[in-house]
Amino acid sequence: MNSKTRSTLRPRRRVNLTGSRCPMTMVRAKVALDALAAGETIELVLAEGEQIQDVPRSLKQEGHRVLRVNRKGANYHLIVRKGLT
């Protein structure tokens, strides 16, 4: 991985959504993304189950790009690039 790729994946901020329940998980993700400029990245921490199944799909439908998904223990860490929407 080159330095440009590493800096692209370095999120501007991190938001832990593991304690949220639907639909608040997606609401909190949207609020966090709204604070970013198009093209900036954010790290979202999600729990197993509904969160990891639903949030990435919803983000893609809204025009955002999931760049990476890593599992760390019981949680998933997503790096998301904000779309132009």
C-alpha atoms as a PDB file:
ATOM      1  CA  MET A   1       0.000   0.000   0.000  1.00  0.00           C
ATOM      2  CA  ASN A   2       1.482   3.353  -0.974  1.00  0.00           C
ATOM      3  CA  SER A   3       1.364   6.534   1.103  1.00  0.00           C
ATOM      4  CA  LYS A   4      -1.438   8.037  -1.015  1.00  0.00           C
ATOM      5  CA  THR A   5      -3.620   4.987  -0.393  1.00  0.00           C
ATOM      6  CA  ARG A   6      -2.873   5.065   3.352  1.00  0.00           C
ATOM      7  CA  SER A   7      -3.803   8.746   3.604  1.00  0.00           C
ATOM      8  CA  THR A   8      -7.006   8.097   1.617  1.00  0.00           C
ATOM      9  CA  LEU A   9      -8.030   5.453   4.146  1.00  0.00           C
ATOM     10  CA  ARG A  10      -7.137   7.566   7.185  1.00  0.00           C
ATOM     11  CA  PRO A  11     -10.555   8.645   8.464  1.00  0.00           C
ATOM     12  CA  ARG A  12     -11.220  12.194   9.572  1.00  0.00           C
ATOM     13  CA  ARG A  13     -13.170  10.913  12.567  1.00  0.00           C
ATOM     14  CA  ARG A  14     -14.463   7.733  14.191  1.00  0.00           C
ATOM     15  CA  VAL A  15     -18.020   7.077  15.350  1.00  0.00           C
ATOM     16  CA  ASN A  16     -18.946   4.087  17.506  1.00  0.00           C
ATOM     17  CA  LEU A  17     -22.488   3.023  16.643  1.00  0.00           C
ATOM     18  CA  THR A  18     -22.476  -0.284  18.521  1.00  0.00           C
ATOM     19  CA  GLY A  19     -24.841   0.943  21.248  1.00  0.00           C
ATOM     20  CA  SER A  20     -27.448   2.290  18.806  1.00  0.00           C
ATOM     21  CA  ARG A  21     -30.567   0.464  17.714  1.00  0.00           C
ATOM     22  CA  CYS A  22     -32.341   0.703  14.385  1.00  0.00           C
ATOM     23  CA  PRO A  23     -33.255   3.209  13.054  1.00  0.00           C
ATOM     24  CA  MET A  24     -30.947   5.361  15.187  1.00  0.00           C
ATOM     25  CA  THR A  25     -27.841   3.574  13.895  1.00  0.00           C
ATOM     26  CA  MET A  26     -28.412   4.900  10.392  1.00  0.00           C
ATOM     27  CA  VAL A  27     -29.552   8.306  11.664  1.00  0.00           C
ATOM     28  CA  ARG A  28     -26.306   8.712  13.635  1.00  0.00           C
ATOM     29  CA  ALA A  29     -24.261   7.537  10.635  1.00  0.00           C
ATOM     30  CA  LYS A  30     -25.986  10.117   8.402  1.00  0.00           C
ATOM     31  CA  VAL A  31     -25.386  12.924  10.907  1.00  0.00           C
ATOM     32  CA  ALA A  32     -21.693  11.995  11.081  1.00  0.00           C
ATOM     33  CA  LEU A  33     -21.415  11.904   7.282  1.00  0.00           C
ATOM     34  CA  ASP A  34     -23.220  15.253   6.962  1.00  0.00           C
ATOM     35  CA  ALA A  35     -20.357  16.858   8.902  1.00  0.00           C
ATOM     36  CA  LEU A  36     -17.871  15.770   6.203  1.00  0.00           C
ATOM     37  CA  ALA A  37     -17.084  17.234   2.806  1.00  0.00           C
ATOM     38  CA  ALA A  38     -17.590  15.011  -0.236  1.00  0.00           C
ATOM     39  CA  GLY A  39     -14.657  12.635  -0.612  1.00  0.00           C
ATOM     40  CA  GLU A  40     -13.636  12.681   3.060  1.00  0.00           C
ATOM     41  CA  THR A  41     -13.543   9.429   5.005  1.00  0.00           C
ATOM     42  CA  ILE A  42     -14.973   8.328   8.330  1.00  0.00           C
ATOM     43  CA  GLU A  43     -14.630   5.176  10.408  1.00  0.00           C
ATOM     44  CA  LEU A  44     -17.885   3.665  11.617  1.00  0.00           C
ATOM     45  CA  VAL A  45     -17.819   0.957  14.285  1.00  0.00           C
ATOM     46  CA  LEU A  46     -20.725  -1.473  13.998  1.00  0.00           C
ATOM     47  CA  ALA A  47     -21.919  -4.541  15.875  1.00  0.00           C
ATOM     48  CA  GLU A  48     -22.745  -7.948  14.447  1.00  0.00           C
ATOM     49  CA  GLY A  49     -26.247  -8.626  13.215  1.00  0.00           C
ATOM     50  CA  GLU A  50     -28.541  -5.925  11.859  1.00  0.00           C
ATOM     51  CA  GLN A  51     -25.948  -3.155  11.996  1.00  0.00           C
ATOM     52  CA  ILE A  52     -23.340  -4.820   9.797  1.00  0.00           C
ATOM     53  CA  GLN A  53     -26.028  -6.185   7.480  1.00  0.00           C
ATOM     54  CA  ASP A  54     -28.041  -2.995   6.993  1.00  0.00           C
ATOM     55  CA  VAL A  55     -25.748   0.014   7.383  1.00  0.00           C
ATOM     56  CA  PRO A  56     -23.242  -0.721   4.581  1.00  0.00           C
ATOM     57  CA  ARG A  57     -26.098  -1.457   2.149  1.00  0.00           C
ATOM     58  CA  SER A  58     -27.907   1.775   3.087  1.00  0.00           C
ATOM     59  CA  LEU A  59     -24.729   3.832   2.777  1.00  0.00           C
ATOM     60  CA  LYS A  60     -24.070   2.466  -0.723  1.00  0.00           C
ATOM     61  CA  GLN A  61     -27.669   3.195  -1.759  1.00  0.00           C
ATOM     62  CA  GLU A  62     -27.155   6.798  -0.671  1.00  0.00           C
ATOM     63  CA  GLY A  63     -24.067   7.174  -2.844  1.00  0.00           C
ATOM     64  CA  HIS A  64     -21.302   6.643  -0.277  1.00  0.00           C
ATOM     65  CA  ARG A  65     -18.488   4.155  -0.789  1.00  0.00           C
ATOM     66  CA  VAL A  66     -17.438   1.528   1.749  1.00  0.00           C
ATOM     67  CA  LEU A  67     -13.668   1.328   1.241  1.00  0.00           C
ATOM     68  CA  ARG A  68     -12.795  -1.265   3.851  1.00  0.00           C
ATOM     69  CA  VAL A  69     -14.406  -3.536   6.432  1.00  0.00           C
ATOM     70  CA  ASN A  70     -12.298  -5.046   9.227  1.00  0.00           C
ATOM     71  CA  ARG A  71     -13.543  -7.243  12.013  1.00  0.00           C
ATOM     72  CA  LYS A  72     -11.985  -6.505  15.412  1.00  0.00           C
ATOM     73  CA  GLY A  73     -13.337  -8.757  18.126  1.00  0.00           C
ATOM     74  CA  ALA A  74     -17.121  -8.622  18.113  1.00  0.00           C
ATOM     75  CA  ASN A  75     -17.259  -5.366  16.115  1.00  0.00           C
ATOM     76  CA  TYR A  76     -16.764  -4.302  12.521  1.00  0.00           C
ATOM     77  CA  HIS A  77     -14.815  -1.195  11.529  1.00  0.00           C
ATOM     78  CA  LEU A  78     -15.903   0.376   8.248  1.00  0.00           C
ATOM     79  CA  ILE A  79     -13.979   3.049   6.393  1.00  0.00           C
ATOM     80  CA  VAL A  80     -16.515   5.032   4.365  1.00  0.00           C
ATOM     81  CA  ARG A  81     -15.900   7.761   1.787  1.00  0.00           C
ATOM     82  CA  LYS A  82     -18.647  10.350   1.629  1.00  0.00           C
ATOM     83  CA  GLY A  83     -20.286  10.579  -1.768  1.00  0.00           C
ATOM     84  CA  LEU A  84     -21.316  13.701  -3.618  1.00  0.00           C
ATOM     85  CA  THR A  85     -24.848  13.593  -2.228  1.00  0.00           C
END
